[in-house]
Amino acid sequence: MLYTIVPSETIFEDEDEQKPRKHRTLVMNGVQLVVEEADDDQYQVVQLISSNPHDFLDEQYQPGKMIRVGPLLNS
């Protein structure tokens, strides 16, 4: 029995279905975000890293939200 907050789909993922994910950390308007590359210039928010509770209420930083970031992440 596993007692964890991690979803069971993540723990018991099929090896065939696993694909490499490109996670990057960026700072947007003073807020640190972990994003996953979706397209060439679009990224999906995976995680918000902040100690300010108001940042978590801002819809533009919600996990799953798509953001467009041009050449800022091309390093």
PDB file of N, CA and C in Angstrom:
ATOM      1  N   MET A   1       0.839  -1.158   0.000  1.00  0.00           N
ATOM      2  CA  MET A   1       0.000   0.000   0.000  1.00  0.00           C
ATOM      3  C   MET A   1       0.893   1.231   0.000  1.00  0.00           C
ATOM      4  N   LEU A   2       0.565   2.178  -0.851  1.00  0.00           N
ATOM      5  CA  LEU A   2       1.344   3.402  -0.951  1.00  0.00           C
ATOM      6  C   LEU A   2       0.553   4.571  -0.383  1.00  0.00           C
ATOM      7  N   TYR A   3       1.171   5.302   0.504  1.00  0.00           N
ATOM      8  CA  TYR A   3       0.576   6.516   1.049  1.00  0.00           C
ATOM      9  C   TYR A   3       1.360   7.688   0.479  1.00  0.00           C
ATOM     10  N   THR A   4       0.842   8.291  -0.572  1.00  0.00           N
ATOM     11  CA  THR A   4       1.557   9.356  -1.263  1.00  0.00           C
ATOM     12  C   THR A   4       0.570  10.327  -1.888  1.00  0.00           C
ATOM     13  N   ILE A   5       1.029  11.536  -2.130  1.00  0.00           N
ATOM     14  CA  ILE A   5       0.190  12.518  -2.817  1.00  0.00           C
ATOM     15  C   ILE A   5       0.385  12.449  -4.324  1.00  0.00           C
ATOM     16  N   VAL A   6       1.334  11.640  -4.778  1.00  0.00           N
ATOM     17  CA  VAL A   6       1.601  11.491  -6.199  1.00  0.00           C
ATOM     18  C   VAL A   6       0.502  10.641  -6.821  1.00  0.00           C
ATOM     19  N   PRO A   7      -0.077  11.093  -7.946  1.00  0.00           N
ATOM     20  CA  PRO A   7      -1.144  10.308  -8.587  1.00  0.00           C
ATOM     21  C   PRO A   7      -0.668   8.925  -8.995  1.00  0.00           C
ATOM     22  N   SER A   8      -1.550   7.953  -8.901  1.00  0.00           N
ATOM     23  CA  SER A   8      -1.180   6.571  -9.230  1.00  0.00           C
ATOM     24  C   SER A   8      -0.775   6.430 -10.698  1.00  0.00           C
ATOM     25  N   GLU A   9      -1.291   7.281 -11.595  1.00  0.00           N
ATOM     26  CA  GLU A   9      -0.924   7.222 -13.008  1.00  0.00           C
ATOM     27  C   GLU A   9       0.561   7.533 -13.186  1.00  0.00           C
ATOM     28  N   THR A  10       1.091   8.393 -12.346  1.00  0.00           N
ATOM     29  CA  THR A  10       2.498   8.746 -12.431  1.00  0.00           C
ATOM     30  C   THR A  10       3.374   7.616 -11.913  1.00  0.00           C
ATOM     31  N   ILE A  11       2.954   6.966 -10.849  1.00  0.00           N
ATOM     32  CA  ILE A  11       3.739   5.898 -10.239  1.00  0.00           C
ATOM     33  C   ILE A  11       3.725   4.650 -11.111  1.00  0.00           C
ATOM     34  N   PHE A  12       2.573   4.292 -11.640  1.00  0.00           N
ATOM     35  CA  PHE A  12       2.413   3.053 -12.395  1.00  0.00           C
ATOM     36  C   PHE A  12       2.341   3.301 -13.896  1.00  0.00           C
ATOM     37  N   GLU A  13       3.119   4.247 -14.377  1.00  0.00           N
ATOM     38  CA  GLU A  13       3.140   4.560 -15.790  1.00  0.00           C
ATOM     39  C   GLU A  13       3.759   3.416 -16.583  1.00  0.00           C
ATOM     40  N   ASP A  14       3.217   3.129 -17.759  1.00  0.00           N
ATOM     41  CA  ASP A  14       3.797   2.115 -18.631  1.00  0.00           C
ATOM     42  C   ASP A  14       5.102   2.637 -19.203  1.00  0.00           C
ATOM     43  N   GLU A  15       6.094   1.765 -19.296  1.00  0.00           N
ATOM     44  CA  GLU A  15       7.375   2.174 -19.849  1.00  0.00           C
ATOM     45  C   GLU A  15       7.249   2.569 -21.311  1.00  0.00           C
ATOM     46  N   ASP A  16       6.336   1.934 -22.044  1.00  0.00           N
ATOM     47  CA  ASP A  16       6.149   2.249 -23.455  1.00  0.00           C
ATOM     48  C   ASP A  16       5.564   3.644 -23.640  1.00  0.00           C
ATOM     49  N   GLU A  17       4.756   4.087 -22.706  1.00  0.00           N
ATOM     50  CA  GLU A  17       4.080   5.374 -22.832  1.00  0.00           C
ATOM     51  C   GLU A  17       4.933   6.545 -22.358  1.00  0.00           C
ATOM     52  N   GLN A  18       6.046   6.265 -21.691  1.00  0.00           N
ATOM     53  CA  GLN A  18       6.872   7.346 -21.172  1.00  0.00           C
ATOM     54  C   GLN A  18       7.566   8.062 -22.320  1.00  0.00           C
ATOM     55  N   LYS A  19       7.525   9.372 -22.270  1.00  0.00           N
ATOM     56  CA  LYS A  19       8.242  10.169 -23.240  1.00  0.00           C
ATOM     57  C   LYS A  19       9.036  11.218 -22.474  1.00  0.00           C
ATOM     58  N   PRO A  20      10.168  11.604 -22.970  1.00  0.00           N
ATOM     59  CA  PRO A  20      10.957  12.595 -22.245  1.00  0.00           C
ATOM     60  C   PRO A  20      10.237  13.944 -22.214  1.00  0.00           C
ATOM     61  N   ARG A  21      10.201  14.531 -21.045  1.00  0.00           N
ATOM     62  CA  ARG A  21       9.544  15.823 -20.885  1.00  0.00           C
ATOM     63  C   ARG A  21      10.614  16.873 -20.671  1.00  0.00           C
ATOM     64  N   LYS A  22      10.420  17.997 -21.312  1.00  0.00           N
ATOM     65  CA  LYS A  22      11.380  19.074 -21.195  1.00  0.00           C
ATOM     66  C   LYS A  22      10.838  20.113 -20.226  1.00  0.00           C
ATOM     67  N   HIS A  23      11.242  19.999 -18.969  1.00  0.00           N
ATOM     68  CA  HIS A  23      10.841  20.966 -17.957  1.00  0.00           C
ATOM     69  C   HIS A  23      11.907  22.037 -17.845  1.00  0.00           C
ATOM     70  N   ARG A  24      11.443  23.260 -17.701  1.00  0.00           N
ATOM     71  CA  ARG A  24      12.351  24.386 -17.504  1.00  0.00           C
ATOM     72  C   ARG A  24      11.788  25.265 -16.410  1.00  0.00           C
ATOM     73  N   THR A  25      12.671  25.979 -15.759  1.00  0.00           N
ATOM     74  CA  THR A  25      12.265  26.928 -14.739  1.00  0.00           C
ATOM     75  C   THR A  25      12.492  28.332 -15.293  1.00  0.00           C
ATOM     76  N   LEU A  26      11.482  29.187 -15.125  1.00  0.00           N
ATOM     77  CA  LEU A  26      11.617  30.556 -15.580  1.00  0.00           C
ATOM     78  C   LEU A  26      10.958  31.495 -14.589  1.00  0.00           C
ATOM     79  N   VAL A  27      11.349  32.750 -14.655  1.00  0.00           N
ATOM     80  CA  VAL A  27      10.747  33.774 -13.811  1.00  0.00           C
ATOM     81  C   VAL A  27       9.925  34.675 -14.713  1.00  0.00           C
ATOM     82  N   MET A  28       8.637  34.795 -14.409  1.00  0.00           N
ATOM     83  CA  MET A  28       7.719  35.604 -15.197  1.00  0.00           C
ATOM     84  C   MET A  28       7.049  36.604 -14.267  1.00  0.00           C
ATOM     85  N   ASN A  29       7.294  37.883 -14.487  1.00  0.00           N
ATOM     86  CA  ASN A  29       6.745  38.954 -13.650  1.00  0.00           C
ATOM     87  C   ASN A  29       7.115  38.766 -12.180  1.00  0.00           C
ATOM     88  N   GLY A  30       8.320  38.282 -11.921  1.00  0.00           N
ATOM     89  CA  GLY A  30       8.781  38.091 -10.559  1.00  0.00           C
ATOM     90  C   GLY A  30       8.302  36.814  -9.901  1.00  0.00           C
ATOM     91  N   VAL A  31       7.624  35.938 -10.654  1.00  0.00           N
ATOM     92  CA  VAL A  31       7.100  34.680 -10.124  1.00  0.00           C
ATOM     93  C   VAL A  31       7.838  33.527 -10.797  1.00  0.00           C
ATOM     94  N   GLN A  32       8.348  32.595  -9.999  1.00  0.00           N
ATOM     95  CA  GLN A  32       9.088  31.457 -10.536  1.00  0.00           C
ATOM     96  C   GLN A  32       8.120  30.350 -10.926  1.00  0.00           C
ATOM     97  N   LEU A  33       8.266  29.860 -12.168  1.00  0.00           N
ATOM     98  CA  LEU A  33       7.393  28.823 -12.709  1.00  0.00           C
ATOM     99  C   LEU A  33       8.227  27.668 -13.252  1.00  0.00           C
ATOM    100  N   VAL A  34       7.708  26.458 -13.104  1.00  0.00           N
ATOM    101  CA  VAL A  34       8.258  25.297 -13.789  1.00  0.00           C
ATOM    102  C   VAL A  34       7.310  25.031 -14.944  1.00  0.00           C
ATOM    103  N   VAL A  35       7.848  25.003 -16.158  1.00  0.00           N
ATOM    104  CA  VAL A  35       7.018  24.836 -17.347  1.00  0.00           C
ATOM    105  C   VAL A  35       7.499  23.638 -18.155  1.00  0.00           C
ATOM    106  N   GLU A  36       6.590  23.108 -18.968  1.00  0.00           N
ATOM    107  CA  GLU A  36       6.892  21.988 -19.863  1.00  0.00           C
ATOM    108  C   GLU A  36       6.693  22.469 -21.283  1.00  0.00           C
ATOM    109  N   GLU A  37       7.637  22.146 -22.141  1.00  0.00           N
ATOM    110  CA  GLU A  37       7.564  22.596 -23.530  1.00  0.00           C
ATOM    111  C   GLU A  37       6.413  21.896 -24.248  1.00  0.00           C
ATOM    112  N   ALA A  38       5.539  22.690 -24.863  1.00  0.00           N
ATOM    113  CA  ALA A  38       4.415  22.138 -25.616  1.00  0.00           C
ATOM    114  C   ALA A  38       4.665  22.308 -27.112  1.00  0.00           C
ATOM    115  N   ASP A  39       4.957  23.507 -27.540  1.00  0.00           N
ATOM    116  CA  ASP A  39       5.283  23.819 -28.926  1.00  0.00           C
ATOM    117  C   ASP A  39       6.573  24.623 -28.932  1.00  0.00           C
ATOM    118  N   ASP A  40       6.913  25.178 -30.102  1.00  0.00           N
ATOM    119  CA  ASP A  40       8.155  25.941 -30.202  1.00  0.00           C
ATOM    120  C   ASP A  40       8.189  27.134 -29.257  1.00  0.00           C
ATOM    121  N   ASP A  41       7.100  27.867 -29.160  1.00  0.00           N
ATOM    122  CA  ASP A  41       7.108  29.058 -28.310  1.00  0.00           C
ATOM    123  C   ASP A  41       5.982  29.035 -27.275  1.00  0.00           C
ATOM    124  N   GLN A  42       5.379  27.870 -27.057  1.00  0.00           N
ATOM    125  CA  GLN A  42       4.325  27.741 -26.048  1.00  0.00           C
ATOM    126  C   GLN A  42       4.749  26.729 -24.997  1.00  0.00           C
ATOM    127  N   TYR A  43       4.431  27.075 -23.753  1.00  0.00           N
ATOM    128  CA  TYR A  43       4.787  26.222 -22.627  1.00  0.00           C
ATOM    129  C   TYR A  43       3.582  26.060 -21.724  1.00  0.00           C
ATOM    130  N   GLN A  44       3.488  24.925 -21.082  1.00  0.00           N
ATOM    131  CA  GLN A  44       2.405  24.651 -20.140  1.00  0.00           C
ATOM    132  C   GLN A  44       2.966  24.748 -18.728  1.00  0.00           C
ATOM    133  N   VAL A  45       2.255  25.484 -17.880  1.00  0.00           N
ATOM    134  CA  VAL A  45       2.689  25.642 -16.500  1.00  0.00           C
ATOM    135  C   VAL A  45       2.506  24.317 -15.781  1.00  0.00           C
ATOM    136  N   VAL A  46       3.575  23.838 -15.147  1.00  0.00           N
ATOM    137  CA  VAL A  46       3.548  22.587 -14.394  1.00  0.00           C
ATOM    138  C   VAL A  46       3.458  22.884 -12.906  1.00  0.00           C
ATOM    139  N   GLN A  47       4.213  23.880 -12.450  1.00  0.00           N
ATOM    140  CA  GLN A  47       4.277  24.167 -11.020  1.00  0.00           C
ATOM    141  C   GLN A  47       4.597  25.639 -10.811  1.00  0.00           C
ATOM    142  N   LEU A  48       4.017  26.196  -9.773  1.00  0.00           N
ATOM    143  CA  LEU A  48       4.284  27.562  -9.347  1.00  0.00           C
ATOM    144  C   LEU A  48       5.112  27.494  -8.074  1.00  0.00           C
ATOM    145  N   ILE A  49       6.233  28.204  -8.056  1.00  0.00           N
ATOM    146  CA  ILE A  49       7.088  28.219  -6.879  1.00  0.00           C
ATOM    147  C   ILE A  49       7.067  29.637  -6.318  1.00  0.00           C
ATOM    148  N   SER A  50       6.382  29.816  -5.208  1.00  0.00           N
ATOM    149  CA  SER A  50       6.253  31.139  -4.615  1.00  0.00           C
ATOM    150  C   SER A  50       5.868  31.012  -3.155  1.00  0.00           C
ATOM    151  N   SER A  51       6.256  32.001  -2.387  1.00  0.00           N
ATOM    152  CA  SER A  51       5.824  32.047  -0.991  1.00  0.00           C
ATOM    153  C   SER A  51       4.706  33.055  -0.791  1.00  0.00           C
ATOM    154  N   ASN A  52       4.309  33.715  -1.871  1.00  0.00           N
ATOM    155  CA  ASN A  52       3.228  34.697  -1.818  1.00  0.00           C
ATOM    156  C   ASN A  52       1.898  34.019  -2.154  1.00  0.00           C
ATOM    157  N   PRO A  53       0.948  33.978  -1.222  1.00  0.00           N
ATOM    158  CA  PRO A  53      -0.328  33.302  -1.498  1.00  0.00           C
ATOM    159  C   PRO A  53      -1.127  33.942  -2.625  1.00  0.00           C
ATOM    160  N   HIS A  54      -0.915  35.212  -2.885  1.00  0.00           N
ATOM    161  CA  HIS A  54      -1.653  35.888  -3.962  1.00  0.00           C
ATOM    162  C   HIS A  54      -1.241  35.376  -5.341  1.00  0.00           C
ATOM    163  N   ASP A  55      -0.002  34.902  -5.470  1.00  0.00           N
ATOM    164  CA  ASP A  55       0.438  34.344  -6.751  1.00  0.00           C
ATOM    165  C   ASP A  55      -0.364  33.103  -7.118  1.00  0.00           C
ATOM    166  N   PHE A  56      -0.767  32.318  -6.136  1.00  0.00           N
ATOM    167  CA  PHE A  56      -1.527  31.098  -6.394  1.00  0.00           C
ATOM    168  C   PHE A  56      -2.968  31.391  -6.817  1.00  0.00           C
ATOM    169  N   LEU A  57      -3.447  32.603  -6.564  1.00  0.00           N
ATOM    170  CA  LEU A  57      -4.791  32.994  -6.967  1.00  0.00           C
ATOM    171  C   LEU A  57      -4.819  33.597  -8.363  1.00  0.00           C
ATOM    172  N   ASP A  58      -3.674  33.919  -8.908  1.00  0.00           N
ATOM    173  CA  ASP A  58      -3.592  34.524 -10.236  1.00  0.00           C
ATOM    174  C   ASP A  58      -3.760  33.434 -11.290  1.00  0.00           C
ATOM    175  N   GLU A  59      -4.749  33.596 -12.163  1.00  0.00           N
ATOM    176  CA  GLU A  59      -5.085  32.565 -13.154  1.00  0.00           C
ATOM    177  C   GLU A  59      -3.976  32.315 -14.166  1.00  0.00           C
ATOM    178  N   GLN A  60      -3.148  33.309 -14.450  1.00  0.00           N
ATOM    179  CA  GLN A  60      -2.112  33.112 -15.468  1.00  0.00           C
ATOM    180  C   GLN A  60      -1.001  32.175 -15.010  1.00  0.00           C
ATOM    181  N   TYR A  61      -0.931  31.890 -13.717  1.00  0.00           N
ATOM    182  CA  TYR A  61       0.099  30.998 -13.187  1.00  0.00           C
ATOM    183  C   TYR A  61      -0.451  29.632 -12.782  1.00  0.00           C
ATOM    184  N   GLN A  62      -1.701  29.338 -13.059  1.00  0.00           N
ATOM    185  CA  GLN A  62      -2.304  28.074 -12.663  1.00  0.00           C
ATOM    186  C   GLN A  62      -1.707  26.914 -13.457  1.00  0.00           C
ATOM    187  N   PRO A  63      -1.439  25.770 -12.817  1.00  0.00           N
ATOM    188  CA  PRO A  63      -0.937  24.599 -13.551  1.00  0.00           C
ATOM    189  C   PRO A  63      -1.900  24.201 -14.668  1.00  0.00           C
ATOM    190  N   GLY A  64      -1.330  23.892 -15.811  1.00  0.00           N
ATOM    191  CA  GLY A  64      -2.121  23.546 -16.983  1.00  0.00           C
ATOM    192  C   GLY A  64      -2.331  24.710 -17.926  1.00  0.00           C
ATOM    193  N   LYS A  65      -2.096  25.913 -17.453  1.00  0.00           N
ATOM    194  CA  LYS A  65      -2.275  27.110 -18.272  1.00  0.00           C
ATOM    195  C   LYS A  65      -1.161  27.188 -19.316  1.00  0.00           C
ATOM    196  N   MET A  66      -1.513  27.527 -20.547  1.00  0.00           N
ATOM    197  CA  MET A  66      -0.537  27.666 -21.620  1.00  0.00           C
ATOM    198  C   MET A  66      -0.048  29.111 -21.649  1.00  0.00           C
ATOM    199  N   ILE A  67       1.265  29.276 -21.739  1.00  0.00           N
ATOM    200  CA  ILE A  67       1.842  30.606 -21.855  1.00  0.00           C
ATOM    201  C   ILE A  67       2.754  30.642 -23.073  1.00  0.00           C
ATOM    202  N   ARG A  68       2.862  31.822 -23.662  1.00  0.00           N
ATOM    203  CA  ARG A  68       3.726  31.999 -24.824  1.00  0.00           C
ATOM    204  C   ARG A  68       4.955  32.771 -24.373  1.00  0.00           C
ATOM    205  N   VAL A  69       6.100  32.162 -24.553  1.00  0.00           N
ATOM    206  CA  VAL A  69       7.366  32.781 -24.194  1.00  0.00           C
ATOM    207  C   VAL A  69       8.267  32.664 -25.406  1.00  0.00           C
ATOM    208  N   GLY A  70       8.620  33.789 -25.984  1.00  0.00           N
ATOM    209  CA  GLY A  70       9.451  33.799 -27.184  1.00  0.00           C
ATOM    210  C   GLY A  70      10.863  33.312 -26.945  1.00  0.00           C
ATOM    211  N   PRO A  71      11.833  34.121 -27.270  1.00  0.00           N
ATOM    212  CA  PRO A  71      13.235  33.685 -27.208  1.00  0.00           C
ATOM    213  C   PRO A  71      13.817  33.643 -25.800  1.00  0.00           C
ATOM    214  N   LEU A  72      13.018  33.850 -24.766  1.00  0.00           N
ATOM    215  CA  LEU A  72      13.542  33.866 -23.407  1.00  0.00           C
ATOM    216  C   LEU A  72      14.065  32.504 -22.969  1.00  0.00           C
ATOM    217  N   LEU A  73      13.495  31.415 -23.476  1.00  0.00           N
ATOM    218  CA  LEU A  73      13.873  30.075 -23.026  1.00  0.00           C
ATOM    219  C   LEU A  73      14.792  29.345 -23.998  1.00  0.00           C
ATOM    220  N   ASN A  74      15.272  30.013 -24.996  1.00  0.00           N
ATOM    221  CA  ASN A  74      16.069  29.332 -26.010  1.00  0.00           C
ATOM    222  C   ASN A  74      17.535  29.172 -25.623  1.00  0.00           C
ATOM    223  N   SER A  75      17.851  29.291 -24.349  1.00  0.00           N
ATOM    224  CA  SER A  75      19.247  29.122 -23.934  1.00  0.00           C
ATOM    225  C   SER A  75      19.498  27.714 -23.466  1.00  0.00           C
TER     226      SER A  75
END
